[in-house]
Amino acid sequence: MRSSRAVRRQETILGRVRAGRACHVGTLARQLGVSEMTVRRDLDALAAEGRIVRTHGGAAPASGVVFQFKFLERAAEHRAAKEAIARRAAGLVPDGAAVALDSGTTTLALARALRARDGLTVITSSLPIASELQYCEAMEVILLGGRLGRGSPDLGGALALRALEALHADIAFLGADAVAADGTCYHASLEVAHLVGAIAGIADAVYIVADSSKLRRTATARAGSLADWAGLITDAGLSSRVRRSLKAAGVNLIEVQSMKKGHLQ
């Protein structure tokens, strides 16, 4: 839990970032009378809330780089579960791998978990993920072209599909709007489902990353079946019935514990 002093300091930093003032770590530390390590922690906390974007040596307004879409509101939902899923998924990424990430909020958490890794190539259709990783000097980022989704920071359509034809990924992590008890994955948009299927098609191993709120639901468009992919990484909020159904369908189920207020959930 943040102290009142940390809250005030972070609000001051946020005001300076939004006003376009000097936002480098060293400058902020001098102005606030704290250490650079403290400023970095404050910036990381603000970035985790989607209020700013971390840049090389400082920060930029979220509205200018990661875009203020409803996407950012969704990123705050089930945050502890998404971060736990992201940490587990990051542990599956081999050194030097080509990693494909779609444009979900859980894959954005995974991108953050991969920031410190060297030698990775990240292929993504997500503008927020590209923004999150653009200053990682030891990482190559390939942003698929295409049409910008209305009301969401996704790139898709024919251009994105065509770009995928020239690419290969060692491992892919994809989100889902819904996962049925039989392991079928769904998206609300047919175009997104088509793109997710295409990303899966270029990867040697495919994992769905989705918090348990997405389980035992359906949506409009089928994206594929977990029985055909490497597995589902989710939190431990599944009912015993859904857990049994997924395992009976041949799904490799990887459940993680999420941390909240210092306690396991």
Protein backbone atom coordinates (compact mmCIF):
# COMPACT_ATOMS: atom_id res chain seq x y z
CA MET A 1 0.00 0.00 0.00
CA ARG A 2 1.41 3.39 -0.99
CA SER A 3 2.14 5.93 1.72
CA SER A 4 0.49 9.36 1.56
CA ARG A 5 3.92 10.84 0.82
CA ALA A 6 4.40 8.50 -2.15
CA VAL A 7 0.91 9.31 -3.43
CA ARG A 8 1.61 13.05 -3.29
CA ARG A 9 4.99 12.61 -4.94
CA GLN A 10 3.54 10.50 -7.74
CA GLU A 11 0.76 13.03 -8.35
CA THR A 12 3.41 15.75 -8.61
CA ILE A 13 5.36 13.67 -11.11
CA LEU A 14 2.18 12.96 -13.09
CA GLY A 15 1.40 16.68 -13.25
CA ARG A 16 4.88 17.47 -14.57
CA VAL A 17 4.71 14.69 -17.16
CA ARG A 18 1.31 15.86 -18.44
CA ALA A 19 2.52 19.47 -18.55
CA GLY A 20 5.43 18.44 -20.74
CA ARG A 21 8.07 19.54 -18.23
CA ALA A 22 11.44 17.85 -17.78
CA CYS A 23 10.69 14.21 -17.02
CA HIS A 24 14.11 12.59 -16.76
CA VAL A 25 14.83 10.57 -13.65
CA GLY A 26 17.76 12.73 -12.54
CA THR A 27 15.85 15.98 -13.00
CA LEU A 28 12.82 14.69 -11.11
CA ALA A 29 15.01 13.41 -8.28
CA ARG A 30 16.65 16.83 -7.83
CA GLN A 31 13.35 18.68 -8.00
CA LEU A 32 11.63 16.37 -5.52
CA GLY A 33 14.58 15.98 -3.18
CA VAL A 34 14.60 12.17 -3.33
CA SER A 35 16.88 9.50 -4.75
CA GLU A 36 16.78 8.41 -8.38
CA MET A 37 15.81 4.91 -7.17
CA THR A 38 12.73 6.38 -5.48
CA VAL A 39 11.79 8.23 -8.66
CA ARG A 40 12.17 5.05 -10.70
CA ARG A 41 9.85 3.21 -8.31
CA ASP A 42 7.32 6.04 -8.62
CA LEU A 43 7.52 5.97 -12.41
CA ASP A 44 7.12 2.19 -12.45
CA ALA A 45 4.04 2.47 -10.23
CA LEU A 46 2.47 5.13 -12.47
CA ALA A 47 3.28 3.10 -15.59
CA ALA A 48 1.69 -0.03 -14.07
CA GLU A 49 -1.52 1.99 -13.63
CA GLY A 50 -1.42 3.10 -17.26
CA ARG A 51 -1.06 6.77 -16.29
CA ILE A 52 2.34 7.31 -17.91
CA VAL A 53 4.67 5.45 -20.26
CA ARG A 54 8.23 4.72 -19.19
CA THR A 55 10.78 6.00 -21.68
CA HIS A 56 14.55 5.78 -21.82
CA GLY A 57 15.59 7.61 -18.66
CA GLY A 58 12.20 9.05 -17.80
CA ALA A 59 8.52 9.13 -18.71
CA ALA A 60 5.96 10.41 -21.22
CA PRO A 61 2.21 10.99 -20.95
CA ALA A 62 0.12 7.87 -21.51
CA SER A 63 -2.26 9.87 -23.68
CA GLY A 64 0.55 10.72 -26.09
CA VAL A 65 2.21 7.36 -26.46
CA VAL A 66 0.00 4.49 -25.31
CA PHE A 67 -3.31 6.24 -26.11
CA GLN A 68 -6.17 6.80 -23.69
CA PHE A 69 -8.57 4.13 -24.91
CA LYS A 70 -10.99 2.00 -22.92
CA PHE A 71 -8.12 -0.47 -23.28
CA LEU A 72 -6.33 1.23 -20.38
CA GLU A 73 -9.40 0.85 -18.20
CA ARG A 74 -9.47 -2.87 -19.00
CA ALA A 75 -5.77 -3.12 -18.17
CA ALA A 76 -6.57 -2.19 -14.57
CA GLU A 77 -9.14 -5.00 -14.19
CA HIS A 78 -7.85 -8.17 -12.50
CA ARG A 79 -4.38 -6.60 -12.49
CA ALA A 80 -2.87 -8.92 -9.88
CA ALA A 81 -3.95 -11.98 -11.84
CA LYS A 82 -2.66 -10.57 -15.13
CA GLU A 83 0.72 -9.74 -13.61
CA ALA A 84 1.05 -13.22 -12.11
CA ILE A 85 0.12 -14.79 -15.46
CA ALA A 86 2.66 -12.54 -17.17
CA ARG A 87 5.46 -13.58 -14.82
CA ARG A 88 4.72 -17.26 -15.43
CA ALA A 89 4.56 -16.75 -19.20
CA ALA A 90 7.84 -14.82 -19.21
CA GLY A 91 9.51 -17.81 -17.60
CA LEU A 92 8.57 -19.91 -20.64
CA VAL A 93 10.36 -17.62 -23.11
CA PRO A 94 13.75 -19.01 -24.17
CA ASP A 95 16.75 -16.70 -24.51
CA GLY A 96 17.04 -15.26 -27.99
CA ALA A 97 13.49 -16.28 -28.94
CA ALA A 98 11.15 -14.63 -31.40
CA VAL A 99 7.98 -13.95 -29.38
CA ALA A 100 4.59 -13.08 -30.87
CA LEU A 101 2.17 -11.07 -28.73
CA ASP A 102 -1.32 -9.97 -29.68
CA SER A 103 -3.00 -6.81 -28.42
CA GLY A 104 -4.59 -7.91 -25.14
CA THR A 105 -4.09 -6.35 -21.73
CA THR A 106 -2.53 -9.53 -20.34
CA THR A 107 -0.01 -9.63 -23.19
CA LEU A 108 0.82 -6.00 -22.36
CA ALA A 109 1.63 -7.13 -18.80
CA LEU A 110 3.80 -9.86 -20.34
CA ALA A 111 5.64 -7.30 -22.48
CA ARG A 112 6.47 -5.41 -19.30
CA ALA A 113 7.74 -8.62 -17.71
CA LEU A 114 10.06 -9.12 -20.70
CA ARG A 115 11.56 -5.61 -20.72
CA ALA A 116 14.78 -6.66 -19.01
CA ARG A 117 15.43 -9.63 -21.30
CA ASP A 118 18.24 -9.43 -23.87
CA GLY A 119 18.22 -10.76 -27.40
CA LEU A 120 14.48 -11.21 -27.88
CA THR A 121 12.53 -10.33 -31.01
CA VAL A 122 8.93 -9.34 -30.30
CA ILE A 123 6.31 -9.45 -33.04
CA THR A 124 3.11 -7.66 -32.14
CA SER A 125 -0.07 -6.07 -33.46
CA SER A 126 -0.32 -3.87 -30.35
CA LEU A 127 0.62 -0.20 -30.30
CA PRO A 128 0.85 -0.16 -26.47
CA ILE A 129 3.23 -3.13 -26.50
CA ALA A 130 5.39 -1.48 -29.17
CA SER A 131 5.46 1.70 -27.09
CA GLU A 132 6.32 -0.25 -23.94
CA LEU A 133 9.31 -1.93 -25.59
CA GLN A 134 10.59 0.70 -27.99
CA TYR A 135 13.43 1.86 -25.72
CA CYS A 136 14.68 -1.63 -24.89
CA GLU A 137 18.02 -1.50 -26.66
CA ALA A 138 18.68 -5.25 -26.46
CA MET A 139 15.33 -6.16 -27.98
CA GLU A 140 14.04 -6.00 -31.55
CA VAL A 141 10.39 -5.04 -31.98
CA ILE A 142 8.43 -5.79 -35.16
CA LEU A 143 5.11 -3.95 -35.29
CA LEU A 144 2.64 -5.38 -37.78
CA GLY A 145 1.11 -2.85 -40.12
CA GLY A 146 -2.57 -2.57 -40.83
CA ARG A 147 -5.73 -0.71 -40.00
CA LEU A 148 -6.06 0.88 -36.58
CA GLY A 149 -9.01 -0.57 -34.68
CA ARG A 150 -11.79 1.84 -33.78
CA GLY A 151 -11.65 2.56 -30.06
CA SER A 152 -8.76 0.17 -29.39
CA PRO A 153 -5.00 0.23 -30.02
CA ASP A 154 -4.97 -2.79 -32.35
CA LEU A 155 -3.55 -3.06 -35.84
CA GLY A 156 -5.30 -5.58 -38.06
CA GLY A 157 -6.79 -6.30 -41.44
CA ALA A 158 -5.25 -7.50 -44.68
CA LEU A 159 -1.93 -5.67 -44.25
CA ALA A 160 -1.29 -7.27 -40.86
CA LEU A 161 -2.14 -10.70 -42.22
CA ARG A 162 0.17 -10.18 -45.19
CA ALA A 163 3.05 -9.12 -42.90
CA LEU A 164 2.65 -12.33 -40.90
CA GLU A 165 3.27 -14.41 -44.02
CA ALA A 166 6.93 -13.35 -43.92
CA LEU A 167 7.47 -14.01 -40.21
CA HIS A 168 8.13 -16.89 -37.82
CA ALA A 169 7.86 -16.99 -34.02
CA ASP A 170 9.31 -19.53 -31.64
CA ILE A 171 6.50 -18.91 -29.16
CA ALA A 172 3.25 -16.92 -29.14
CA PHE A 173 1.16 -15.61 -26.27
CA LEU A 174 -2.38 -14.64 -27.20
CA GLY A 175 -5.32 -13.27 -25.29
CA ALA A 176 -8.97 -14.23 -25.57
CA ASP A 177 -12.23 -12.48 -24.86
CA ALA A 178 -13.70 -15.79 -23.74
CA VAL A 179 -12.67 -19.42 -23.25
CA ALA A 180 -15.36 -22.10 -23.20
CA ALA A 181 -15.20 -25.13 -20.91
CA ASP A 182 -14.25 -27.30 -23.90
CA GLY A 183 -11.17 -25.14 -24.58
CA THR A 184 -12.54 -23.19 -27.55
CA CYS A 185 -11.20 -19.61 -27.59
CA TYR A 186 -13.35 -16.70 -28.73
CA HIS A 187 -13.09 -13.02 -29.57
CA ALA A 188 -15.87 -10.47 -29.84
CA SER A 189 -14.49 -9.32 -33.21
CA LEU A 190 -14.27 -11.63 -36.23
CA GLU A 191 -11.32 -9.61 -37.55
CA VAL A 192 -9.42 -9.99 -34.27
CA ALA A 193 -10.16 -13.71 -34.16
CA HIS A 194 -8.83 -14.06 -37.71
CA LEU A 195 -5.63 -12.20 -36.80
CA VAL A 196 -5.14 -14.24 -33.62
CA GLY A 197 -5.47 -17.44 -35.64
CA ALA A 198 -2.92 -16.14 -38.13
CA ILE A 199 -0.44 -15.25 -35.37
CA ALA A 200 -0.88 -18.73 -33.92
CA GLY A 201 -0.12 -20.15 -37.35
CA ILE A 202 3.41 -18.68 -37.47
CA ALA A 203 4.46 -19.91 -34.00
CA ASP A 204 6.01 -23.20 -32.95
CA ALA A 205 4.25 -23.03 -29.56
CA VAL A 206 1.09 -21.13 -28.69
CA TYR A 207 -0.19 -20.23 -25.23
CA ILE A 208 -3.39 -18.44 -24.35
CA VAL A 209 -2.96 -16.02 -21.45
CA ALA A 210 -6.30 -15.14 -19.84
CA ASP A 211 -7.44 -14.48 -16.30
CA SER A 212 -10.15 -16.72 -14.88
CA SER A 213 -12.91 -14.15 -15.48
CA LYS A 214 -12.69 -15.10 -19.17
CA LEU A 215 -13.29 -18.80 -18.55
CA ARG A 216 -16.53 -20.67 -19.24
CA ARG A 217 -17.76 -17.94 -21.54
CA THR A 218 -18.27 -17.57 -25.27
CA ALA A 219 -18.21 -14.69 -27.74
CA THR A 220 -19.01 -14.14 -31.41
CA ALA A 221 -15.96 -15.44 -33.26
CA ARG A 222 -13.95 -18.62 -32.74
CA ALA A 223 -10.18 -18.17 -32.74
CA GLY A 224 -9.06 -21.75 -32.18
CA SER A 225 -8.91 -24.59 -29.67
CA LEU A 226 -6.61 -24.92 -26.69
CA ALA A 227 -6.40 -28.64 -27.36
CA ASP A 228 -4.35 -27.78 -30.47
CA TRP A 229 -2.02 -25.38 -28.67
CA ALA A 230 0.63 -25.57 -25.97
CA GLY A 231 -1.61 -24.52 -23.13
CA LEU A 232 -3.63 -22.01 -21.13
CA ILE A 233 -1.97 -19.84 -18.48
CA THR A 234 -4.54 -18.50 -16.04
CA ASP A 235 -4.98 -17.68 -12.37
CA ALA A 236 -6.28 -20.07 -9.73
CA GLY A 237 -9.82 -18.69 -9.76
CA LEU A 238 -11.25 -21.52 -11.85
CA SER A 239 -14.14 -23.55 -10.54
CA SER A 240 -13.44 -27.25 -10.10
CA ARG A 241 -16.01 -28.01 -12.82
CA VAL A 242 -14.27 -25.82 -15.40
CA ARG A 243 -10.89 -27.22 -14.39
CA ARG A 244 -12.12 -30.78 -14.94
CA SER A 245 -13.75 -29.87 -18.27
CA LEU A 246 -10.61 -28.24 -19.63
CA LYS A 247 -8.40 -31.14 -18.62
CA ALA A 248 -10.90 -33.63 -20.10
CA ALA A 249 -10.67 -31.67 -23.37
CA GLY A 250 -6.91 -32.22 -23.44
CA VAL A 251 -5.93 -28.70 -22.39
CA ASN A 252 -2.53 -28.17 -20.77
CA LEU A 253 -3.69 -26.01 -17.87
CA ILE A 254 -1.12 -23.84 -16.08
CA GLU A 255 -2.57 -22.09 -13.02
CA VAL A 256 -0.73 -19.39 -11.10
CA GLN A 257 -1.27 -17.69 -7.78
CA SER A 258 -1.81 -13.92 -7.86
CA MET A 259 -0.50 -11.57 -5.22
CA LYS A 260 -2.73 -8.90 -3.69
CA LYS A 261 -1.93 -6.70 -0.72
CA GLY A 262 0.87 -9.01 0.27
CA HIS A 263 -1.23 -12.18 0.40
CA LEU A 264 -1.70 -15.07 -1.96
CA GLN A 265 -5.09 -15.20 -3.66
